[in-house]
Amino acid sequence: MTGLLLIRHAVPTVESGVPAAEWSLSPEGREAARVLAERIDAGSCRNIATSDEVKAVETAEAVAAKAGGVIVVDSRLREASRPWTRDGYEVAARRWLVGDGPDGWEPRRLVVERMSEAIGDSLVLGGSTSVVVSHGLAIAAFVAAVAGVDPVRFWSDLRFPDAWWVDSEGTHLARFAG
Protein backbone atom coordinates (compact mmCIF):
# COMPACT_ATOMS: atom_id res chain seq x y z
CA MET A 1 0.00 0.00 0.00
CA THR A 2 1.37 3.40 -0.87
CA GLY A 3 0.76 6.51 1.12
CA LEU A 4 2.08 9.21 3.32
CA LEU A 5 3.11 9.21 6.95
CA LEU A 6 2.79 12.75 8.27
CA ILE A 7 4.81 13.33 11.43
CA ARG A 8 4.56 16.33 13.71
CA HIS A 9 7.92 17.03 15.29
CA ALA A 10 8.64 16.16 18.91
CA VAL A 11 8.65 18.70 21.78
CA PRO A 12 11.30 21.40 21.42
CA THR A 13 13.05 23.41 24.08
CA VAL A 14 11.41 26.85 23.94
CA GLU A 15 14.12 29.49 24.09
CA SER A 16 12.99 33.04 24.69
CA GLY A 17 14.62 35.38 22.18
CA VAL A 18 15.44 32.56 19.76
CA PRO A 19 13.26 32.17 16.65
CA ALA A 20 11.02 29.09 16.87
CA ALA A 21 12.57 27.72 13.67
CA GLU A 22 15.87 27.42 15.55
CA TRP A 23 14.54 25.56 18.60
CA SER A 24 16.00 22.10 19.01
CA LEU A 25 14.33 19.12 20.61
CA SER A 26 14.16 18.93 24.38
CA PRO A 27 15.62 15.81 26.05
CA GLU A 28 12.05 14.51 26.38
CA GLY A 29 11.44 15.33 22.72
CA ARG A 30 14.53 13.39 21.62
CA GLU A 31 13.36 10.35 23.54
CA ALA A 32 9.81 10.63 22.17
CA ALA A 33 11.16 10.91 18.60
CA ARG A 34 13.30 7.80 19.17
CA VAL A 35 10.29 5.86 20.53
CA LEU A 36 8.16 6.94 17.54
CA ALA A 37 10.93 5.86 15.15
CA GLU A 38 10.98 2.41 16.78
CA ARG A 39 7.31 1.94 15.85
CA ILE A 40 7.81 2.74 12.16
CA ASP A 41 8.38 -0.09 9.68
CA ALA A 42 11.92 0.65 8.56
CA GLY A 43 11.58 -1.32 5.32
CA SER A 44 8.76 0.81 3.94
CA CYS A 45 10.07 4.29 4.81
CA ARG A 46 13.11 5.04 2.74
CA ASN A 47 12.08 8.54 1.69
CA ILE A 48 11.95 11.10 4.53
CA ALA A 49 11.22 14.74 3.74
CA THR A 50 11.43 17.31 6.50
CA SER A 51 10.96 20.97 7.18
CA ASP A 52 14.21 22.86 7.53
CA GLU A 53 13.32 23.90 11.09
CA VAL A 54 15.75 22.36 13.59
CA LYS A 55 13.12 20.52 15.68
CA ALA A 56 11.71 18.87 12.53
CA VAL A 57 15.14 17.91 11.20
CA GLU A 58 16.06 16.33 14.53
CA THR A 59 12.79 14.37 14.56
CA ALA A 60 13.47 13.21 10.97
CA GLU A 61 16.99 12.16 11.98
CA ALA A 62 15.55 9.87 14.66
CA VAL A 63 13.32 8.23 12.05
CA ALA A 64 16.16 7.94 9.54
CA ALA A 65 18.46 6.40 12.15
CA LYS A 66 15.93 3.58 12.57
CA ALA A 67 14.69 3.33 8.99
CA GLY A 68 17.97 3.92 7.22
CA GLY A 69 16.14 6.37 5.01
CA VAL A 70 17.46 9.35 3.16
CA ILE A 71 16.44 12.76 4.50
CA VAL A 72 15.49 15.52 2.09
CA VAL A 73 15.24 18.95 3.73
CA ASP A 74 12.54 21.09 2.16
CA SER A 75 11.70 24.60 3.36
CA ARG A 76 8.20 24.25 1.86
CA LEU A 77 7.37 21.97 4.81
CA ARG A 78 7.92 24.78 7.36
CA GLU A 79 5.31 25.89 9.85
CA ALA A 80 2.91 28.65 8.84
CA SER A 81 4.80 31.92 8.92
CA ARG A 82 3.46 34.23 11.60
CA PRO A 83 4.60 36.83 14.06
CA TRP A 84 5.55 35.68 17.55
CA THR A 85 2.41 35.27 19.64
CA ARG A 86 2.78 34.08 23.21
CA ASP A 87 -0.47 35.42 24.61
CA GLY A 88 -3.56 34.44 22.66
CA TYR A 89 -1.73 32.01 20.38
CA GLU A 90 -4.39 29.29 20.52
CA VAL A 91 -7.18 31.72 19.66
CA ALA A 92 -5.15 33.17 16.77
CA ALA A 93 -4.22 29.68 15.52
CA ARG A 94 -7.84 28.54 15.57
CA ARG A 95 -8.88 31.66 13.64
CA TRP A 96 -6.16 30.97 11.08
CA LEU A 97 -7.22 27.34 10.67
CA VAL A 98 -10.79 28.34 9.79
CA GLY A 99 -9.60 30.90 7.26
CA ASP A 100 -9.85 34.06 9.37
CA GLY A 101 -6.12 34.57 9.58
CA PRO A 102 -4.82 37.28 11.89
CA ASP A 103 -2.81 40.10 10.33
CA GLY A 104 0.75 39.12 9.52
CA TRP A 105 0.06 35.38 9.27
CA GLU A 106 0.87 33.54 6.04
CA PRO A 107 -2.39 32.80 4.23
CA ARG A 108 -3.59 29.25 4.86
CA ARG A 109 -4.09 28.52 1.17
CA LEU A 110 -0.40 29.33 0.53
CA VAL A 111 0.67 26.95 3.29
CA VAL A 112 -1.50 24.21 1.75
CA GLU A 113 -0.07 24.94 -1.72
CA ARG A 114 3.57 24.74 -0.64
CA MET A 115 2.94 21.67 1.54
CA SER A 116 1.13 19.97 -1.37
CA GLU A 117 3.98 20.74 -3.76
CA ALA A 118 6.62 19.44 -1.36
CA ILE A 119 4.63 16.31 -0.54
CA GLY A 120 3.96 15.69 -4.23
CA ASP A 121 7.67 15.92 -4.95
CA SER A 122 8.35 13.53 -2.07
CA LEU A 123 5.85 10.96 -3.34
CA VAL A 124 7.41 11.07 -6.82
CA LEU A 125 10.72 9.87 -5.36
CA GLY A 126 9.15 6.48 -4.84
CA GLY A 127 8.98 3.86 -2.14
CA SER A 128 5.92 2.35 -0.57
CA THR A 129 5.55 5.08 2.04
CA SER A 130 6.81 8.63 2.12
CA VAL A 131 7.48 10.18 5.49
CA VAL A 132 7.01 13.92 5.94
CA VAL A 133 8.07 15.68 9.14
CA SER A 134 6.48 19.07 9.61
CA HIS A 135 4.52 21.21 12.09
CA GLY A 136 1.08 21.29 13.65
CA LEU A 137 -0.60 24.15 11.81
CA ALA A 138 0.90 23.24 8.44
CA ILE A 139 -0.08 19.58 8.79
CA ALA A 140 -3.60 20.45 10.00
CA ALA A 141 -4.17 22.81 7.06
CA PHE A 142 -2.88 20.21 4.57
CA VAL A 143 -4.93 17.34 6.04
CA ALA A 144 -8.07 19.49 6.10
CA ALA A 145 -7.57 20.28 2.42
CA VAL A 146 -6.94 16.70 1.25
CA ALA A 147 -9.06 14.65 3.66
CA GLY A 148 -11.82 17.12 4.51
CA VAL A 149 -11.37 16.98 8.28
CA ASP A 150 -12.11 19.80 10.70
CA PRO A 151 -8.73 21.58 10.89
CA VAL A 152 -9.26 23.01 14.38
CA ARG A 153 -10.20 19.66 15.88
CA PHE A 154 -7.37 17.88 14.06
CA TRP A 155 -4.82 20.46 15.24
CA SER A 156 -6.16 20.40 18.80
CA ASP A 157 -5.77 16.61 18.91
CA LEU A 158 -2.16 16.57 17.64
CA ARG A 159 0.52 15.37 20.04
CA PHE A 160 4.30 15.93 20.17
CA PRO A 161 5.39 13.92 18.25
CA ASP A 162 2.47 12.53 16.35
CA ALA A 163 2.12 10.49 13.17
CA TRP A 164 -0.82 10.18 10.80
CA TRP A 165 -1.24 7.83 7.85
CA VAL A 166 -2.90 9.19 4.70
CA ASP A 167 -3.51 6.84 1.77
CA SER A 168 -2.38 7.87 -1.69
CA GLU A 169 -5.90 9.03 -2.67
CA GLY A 170 -6.40 11.11 0.48
CA THR A 171 -9.53 9.14 1.31
CA HIS A 172 -8.28 7.39 4.45
CA LEU A 173 -6.71 9.17 7.42
CA ALA A 174 -5.71 7.43 10.63
CA ARG A 175 -3.41 8.06 13.55
CA PHE A 176 -0.39 5.83 13.08
CA ALA A 177 -0.32 3.15 15.74
CA GLY A 178 2.81 1.34 14.63
Foldseek 3Di string as FASTA:
>chain_A
DAFEKEKEFFAFDDDPPDPQLATARDPVRLVVLLVVLVQDDLQQEQAEEEASRRRQVSSSVSNCVSNVHDYHYDNLQEDWDADDDDPPPLVQLLCQLVQNHDPRTHRLVSSLVSVVVVVVVRVVVDGRYYYYYHHLSSVLSNLCVLAVDRSSVSSVPQHRIWIWIAGPNSPDIDTDPD
